[in-house]
C-alpha atoms as a PDB file:
ATOM      1  CA  MET A   1       9.293 -43.412   4.800  1.00  0.00           C
ATOM      2  CA  ALA A   2       9.925 -44.161   8.619  1.00  0.00           C
ATOM      3  CA  GLN A   3       8.284 -42.017  11.257  1.00  0.00           C
ATOM      4  CA  PRO A   4      10.308 -40.074  13.437  1.00  0.00           C
ATOM      5  CA  ALA A   5      10.832 -41.183  16.712  1.00  0.00           C
ATOM      6  CA  PHE A   6       9.913 -39.016  20.106  1.00  0.00           C
ATOM      7  CA  SER A   7      12.279 -39.974  23.348  1.00  0.00           C
ATOM      8  CA  ILE A   8      10.762 -39.418  26.739  1.00  0.00           C
ATOM      9  CA  ASP A   9      13.564 -36.333  26.896  1.00  0.00           C
ATOM     10  CA  GLN A  10      11.753 -34.510  23.617  1.00  0.00           C
ATOM     11  CA  LEU A  11       7.589 -35.168  25.147  1.00  0.00           C
ATOM     12  CA  THR A  12       8.780 -33.627  28.599  1.00  0.00           C
ATOM     13  CA  ASN A  13      11.148 -30.480  27.321  1.00  0.00           C
ATOM     14  CA  GLY A  14      14.445 -31.968  28.265  1.00  0.00           C
ATOM     15  CA  GLY A  15      16.923 -30.230  26.844  1.00  0.00           C
ATOM     16  CA  PHE A  16      20.212 -31.108  25.384  1.00  0.00           C
ATOM     17  CA  PRO A  17      23.441 -30.793  27.660  1.00  0.00           C
ATOM     18  CA  LEU A  18      26.067 -28.164  26.679  1.00  0.00           C
ATOM     19  CA  GLU A  19      29.696 -27.565  28.223  1.00  0.00           C
ATOM     20  CA  ILE A  20      30.521 -24.359  28.702  1.00  0.00           C
ATOM     21  CA  GLY A  21      33.468 -23.318  30.521  1.00  0.00           C
ATOM     22  CA  GLY A  22      34.299 -26.491  31.956  1.00  0.00           C
ATOM     23  CA  LYS A  23      30.872 -26.830  33.171  1.00  0.00           C
ATOM     24  CA  VAL A  24      27.747 -28.633  31.918  1.00  0.00           C
ATOM     25  CA  TYR A  25      24.294 -26.475  31.708  1.00  0.00           C
ATOM     26  CA  ARG A  26      21.024 -28.347  29.601  1.00  0.00           C
ATOM     27  CA  PHE A  27      19.107 -25.827  27.702  1.00  0.00           C
ATOM     28  CA  ALA A  28      15.944 -26.305  27.231  1.00  0.00           C
ATOM     29  CA  GLU A  29      13.089 -25.145  24.597  1.00  0.00           C
ATOM     30  CA  LEU A  30      11.303 -21.803  24.731  1.00  0.00           C
ATOM     31  CA  ARG A  31       8.114 -22.193  26.604  1.00  0.00           C
ATOM     32  CA  ALA A  32       5.215 -20.422  26.046  1.00  0.00           C
ATOM     33  CA  LYS A  33       5.782 -17.996  28.624  1.00  0.00           C
ATOM     34  CA  ASP A  34       9.767 -17.393  27.400  1.00  0.00           C
ATOM     35  CA  TYR A  35       8.161 -16.354  24.110  1.00  0.00           C
ATOM     36  CA  GLY A  36       6.345 -13.503  25.248  1.00  0.00           C
ATOM     37  CA  ARG A  37       8.913 -12.029  27.319  1.00  0.00           C
ATOM     38  CA  LEU A  38      11.516 -12.373  24.260  1.00  0.00           C
ATOM     39  CA  GLN A  39       8.609 -10.556  21.731  1.00  0.00           C
ATOM     40  CA  GLY A  40       8.879  -7.613  24.920  1.00  0.00           C
ATOM     41  CA  HIS A  41      12.677  -7.440  23.697  1.00  0.00           C
ATOM     42  CA  ILE A  42      11.684  -7.216  19.921  1.00  0.00           C
ATOM     43  CA  ARG A  43       9.039  -4.502  20.460  1.00  0.00           C
ATOM     44  CA  ARG A  44      12.000  -2.589  22.582  1.00  0.00           C
ATOM     45  CA  ILE A  45      14.324  -2.986  19.680  1.00  0.00           C
ATOM     46  CA  GLN A  46      12.244  -2.904  16.456  1.00  0.00           C
ATOM     47  CA  PRO A  47      10.905   0.494  15.438  1.00  0.00           C
ATOM     48  CA  LYS A  48       7.722   0.966  14.676  1.00  0.00           C
ATOM     49  CA  ALA A  49       7.864   1.980  10.482  1.00  0.00           C
ATOM     50  CA  VAL A  50       5.236   4.834  10.735  1.00  0.00           C
ATOM     51  CA  ASP A  51       7.475   6.056  13.676  1.00  0.00           C
ATOM     52  CA  VAL A  52      10.461   6.344  11.731  1.00  0.00           C
ATOM     53  CA  LEU A  53       8.818   7.506   9.078  1.00  0.00           C
ATOM     54  CA  SER A  54       7.210  10.690  11.075  1.00  0.00           C
ATOM     55  CA  SER A  55      10.656  11.539  12.450  1.00  0.00           C
ATOM     56  CA  VAL A  56      12.063  11.973   9.095  1.00  0.00           C
ATOM     57  CA  ILE A  57       9.236  13.033   6.902  1.00  0.00           C
ATOM     58  CA  LYS A  58      10.360  16.886   7.151  1.00  0.00           C
ATOM     59  CA  ASP A  59      13.610  15.958   5.982  1.00  0.00           C
ATOM     60  CA  LEU A  60      12.546  13.756   2.902  1.00  0.00           C
ATOM     61  CA  LYS A  61      10.391  16.459   1.077  1.00  0.00           C
ATOM     62  CA  LEU A  62       8.270  14.242  -0.751  1.00  0.00           C
ATOM     63  CA  THR A  63       5.474  15.124  -3.132  1.00  0.00           C
ATOM     64  CA  PRO A  64       1.876  14.287  -1.946  1.00  0.00           C
ATOM     65  CA  GLU A  65       1.636  11.175  -3.877  1.00  0.00           C
ATOM     66  CA  ASP A  66       4.872   9.890  -2.501  1.00  0.00           C
ATOM     67  CA  LEU A  67       3.907  10.840   1.360  1.00  0.00           C
ATOM     68  CA  THR A  68       0.998   8.819   1.115  1.00  0.00           C
ATOM     69  CA  GLU A  69       1.855   6.142  -0.478  1.00  0.00           C
ATOM     70  CA  SER A  70       5.170   6.362   2.028  1.00  0.00           C
ATOM     71  CA  ILE A  71       2.797   6.035   4.591  1.00  0.00           C
ATOM     72  CA  LEU A  72       0.835   3.416   3.583  1.00  0.00           C
ATOM     73  CA  LYS A  73       3.624   1.116   3.256  1.00  0.00           C
ATOM     74  CA  ALA A  74       4.618   1.817   6.683  1.00  0.00           C
ATOM     75  CA  TYR A  75       1.232   1.301   8.278  1.00  0.00           C
ATOM     76  CA  GLU A  76       0.626  -1.945   6.175  1.00  0.00           C
ATOM     77  CA  ARG A  77       4.433  -2.991   7.442  1.00  0.00           C
ATOM     78  CA  ASP A  78       3.638  -2.412  11.044  1.00  0.00           C
ATOM     79  CA  ILE A  79       0.421  -4.783  10.494  1.00  0.00           C
ATOM     80  CA  PHE A  80       3.052  -7.105  11.564  1.00  0.00           C
ATOM     81  CA  TRP A  81       5.073  -5.524  13.810  1.00  0.00           C
ATOM     82  CA  PRO A  82       6.459  -6.949  15.820  1.00  0.00           C
ATOM     83  CA  VAL A  83       8.601  -9.546  13.944  1.00  0.00           C
ATOM     84  CA  SER A  84       8.333 -13.321  15.760  1.00  0.00           C
ATOM     85  CA  CYS A  85      11.405 -13.678  18.098  1.00  0.00           C
ATOM     86  CA  ASP A  86      11.606 -17.232  16.440  1.00  0.00           C
ATOM     87  CA  SER A  87      11.709 -15.445  12.792  1.00  0.00           C
ATOM     88  CA  PRO A  88      15.262 -15.308  11.449  1.00  0.00           C
ATOM     89  CA  PRO A  89      15.080 -11.685  11.800  1.00  0.00           C
ATOM     90  CA  GLY A  90      13.418 -11.920  14.770  1.00  0.00           C
ATOM     91  CA  LEU A  91      16.693 -13.942  16.445  1.00  0.00           C
ATOM     92  CA  GLY A  92      19.123 -11.757  14.713  1.00  0.00           C
ATOM     93  CA  MET A  93      17.880  -9.133  16.631  1.00  0.00           C
ATOM     94  CA  ILE A  94      18.233 -10.825  20.056  1.00  0.00           C
ATOM     95  CA  GLN A  95      21.532 -11.893  18.933  1.00  0.00           C
ATOM     96  CA  ASN A  96      22.637  -8.581  18.416  1.00  0.00           C
ATOM     97  CA  ASP A  97      21.212  -7.216  21.453  1.00  0.00           C
ATOM     98  CA  ASP A  98      23.351  -7.825  24.629  1.00  0.00           C
ATOM     99  CA  GLU A  99      19.645  -7.919  27.034  1.00  0.00           C
ATOM    100  CA  ALA A 100      18.177 -10.054  24.789  1.00  0.00           C
ATOM    101  CA  ARG A 101      20.738 -12.319  24.216  1.00  0.00           C
ATOM    102  CA  THR A 102      21.070 -12.518  27.835  1.00  0.00           C
ATOM    103  CA  ASP A 103      17.731 -13.184  28.614  1.00  0.00           C
ATOM    104  CA  LEU A 104      17.337 -15.944  25.622  1.00  0.00           C
ATOM    105  CA  ILE A 105      20.231 -18.164  27.974  1.00  0.00           C
ATOM    106  CA  LYS A 106      18.234 -17.783  30.752  1.00  0.00           C
ATOM    107  CA  PHE A 107      14.743 -18.837  29.756  1.00  0.00           C
ATOM    108  CA  CYS A 108      16.384 -21.877  28.501  1.00  0.00           C
ATOM    109  CA  LEU A 109      18.109 -22.571  31.165  1.00  0.00           C
ATOM    110  CA  GLU A 110      15.118 -21.871  33.823  1.00  0.00           C
ATOM    111  CA  LYS A 111      13.471 -24.843  33.398  1.00  0.00           C
ATOM    112  CA  HIS A 112      16.131 -27.141  34.594  1.00  0.00           C
ATOM    113  CA  GLN A 113      18.301 -24.604  37.078  1.00  0.00           C
ATOM    114  CA  PRO A 114      15.097 -23.044  38.264  1.00  0.00           C
ATOM    115  CA  GLY A 115      16.354 -19.884  40.074  1.00  0.00           C
ATOM    116  CA  ILE A 116      19.228 -19.222  37.641  1.00  0.00           C
ATOM    117  CA  THR A 117      19.762 -14.969  37.673  1.00  0.00           C
ATOM    118  CA  SER A 118      20.670 -12.664  35.005  1.00  0.00           C
ATOM    119  CA  THR A 119      23.935 -12.044  36.278  1.00  0.00           C
ATOM    120  CA  GLU A 120      24.643 -15.990  36.202  1.00  0.00           C
ATOM    121  CA  ALA A 121      22.832 -16.201  32.509  1.00  0.00           C
ATOM    122  CA  ARG A 122      25.140 -13.111  31.843  1.00  0.00           C
ATOM    123  CA  GLU A 123      27.956 -15.084  32.533  1.00  0.00           C
ATOM    124  CA  ILE A 124      27.191 -17.965  30.919  1.00  0.00           C
ATOM    125  CA  GLN A 125      26.219 -16.152  27.390  1.00  0.00           C
ATOM    126  CA  GLU A 126      29.733 -14.245  27.903  1.00  0.00           C
ATOM    127  CA  GLN A 127      32.006 -17.844  27.632  1.00  0.00           C
ATOM    128  CA  MET A 128      29.496 -19.435  24.751  1.00  0.00           C
ATOM    129  CA  THR A 129      30.961 -19.128  21.145  1.00  0.00           C
ATOM    130  CA  VAL A 130      28.814 -18.219  18.476  1.00  0.00           C
ATOM    131  CA  ARG A 131      28.638 -21.572  17.331  1.00  0.00           C
ATOM    132  CA  GLN A 132      27.505 -22.484  20.947  1.00  0.00           C
ATOM    133  CA  PHE A 133      24.840 -19.529  21.146  1.00  0.00           C
ATOM    134  CA  SER A 134      23.387 -20.565  17.701  1.00  0.00           C
ATOM    135  CA  ALA A 135      23.122 -24.175  18.347  1.00  0.00           C
ATOM    136  CA  VAL A 136      20.818 -22.878  21.787  1.00  0.00           C
ATOM    137  CA  ALA A 137      18.938 -20.441  19.663  1.00  0.00           C
ATOM    138  CA  VAL A 138      17.801 -22.944  16.907  1.00  0.00           C
ATOM    139  CA  PHE A 139      17.445 -25.337  19.768  1.00  0.00           C
ATOM    140  CA  ALA A 140      15.107 -22.973  22.010  1.00  0.00           C
ATOM    141  CA  VAL A 141      12.544 -22.155  18.491  1.00  0.00           C
ATOM    142  CA  THR A 142      12.673 -25.280  17.368  1.00  0.00           C
ATOM    143  CA  GLY A 143      13.954 -28.252  19.557  1.00  0.00           C
ATOM    144  CA  ARG A 144      16.249 -29.777  17.347  1.00  0.00           C
ATOM    145  CA  LEU A 145      19.550 -29.463  17.404  1.00  0.00           C
ATOM    146  CA  PRO A 146      21.364 -27.471  13.928  1.00  0.00           C
ATOM    147  CA  GLU A 147      22.798 -31.189  13.022  1.00  0.00           C
ATOM    148  CA  GLU A 148      19.829 -32.538  13.404  1.00  0.00           C
ATOM    149  CA  ILE A 149      17.953 -30.335  10.862  1.00  0.00           C
ATOM    150  CA  LEU A 150      20.640 -30.262   8.285  1.00  0.00           C
ATOM    151  CA  ALA A 151      20.793 -34.228   8.222  1.00  0.00           C
ATOM    152  CA  GLU A 152      17.037 -34.018   7.887  1.00  0.00           C
ATOM    153  CA  GLN A 153      17.706 -31.800   5.016  1.00  0.00           C
ATOM    154  CA  ASN A 154      19.894 -34.016   3.251  1.00  0.00           C
ATOM    155  CA  ASP A 155      18.194 -37.251   3.716  1.00  0.00           C
ATOM    156  CA  PRO A 156      16.601 -37.814   0.491  1.00  0.00           C
ATOM    157  CA  GLU A 157      13.711 -39.892   2.210  1.00  0.00           C
ATOM    158  CA  ARG A 158      12.493 -37.579   4.910  1.00  0.00           C
ATOM    159  CA  GLN A 159      11.721 -34.437   1.670  1.00  0.00           C
ATOM    160  CA  SER A 160       9.204 -34.143   0.107  1.00  0.00           C
ATOM    161  CA  PRO A 161       8.313 -34.965  -3.324  1.00  0.00           C
ATOM    162  CA  SER A 162       6.276 -31.899  -4.416  1.00  0.00           C
ATOM    163  CA  THR A 163       9.309 -29.198  -3.316  1.00  0.00           C
ATOM    164  CA  GLY A 164      12.372 -31.206  -2.423  1.00  0.00           C
ATOM    165  CA  THR A 165      12.326 -29.984   1.136  1.00  0.00           C
END
């Protein structure tokens, strides 16, 4: 089994180039500070289960046992609140929120285009196709392009023998 090779670009978060609207931009992986800033968007977007339950509890007319079970499940769910911004549900929330989507693009561009404004990032994001945005989002959290991930998943030499993945 061949060992993966790394280029200097990969080791320094060199990113990947993408042409949008006739101009080439270089998108980098999210840095730790970017991750934290995106988590702020997830906290804003994703309500706590207990808060949602509390707002509708009078309308549900639950038995005391069902109410207790619902509250316990809501508290259990809130232990893992908010979801991680690099998880599929987190990326879905970011993709569906205009402000978070713009910030993701801004954070991915900041390393190579310091001083980029939110307005510029919004203009770039508005010109992107869904496929381009998805490629940037996947690269932002994994450091790999979607094509690389697919190639690895389809390469029998790279799959682990116990799981097939």
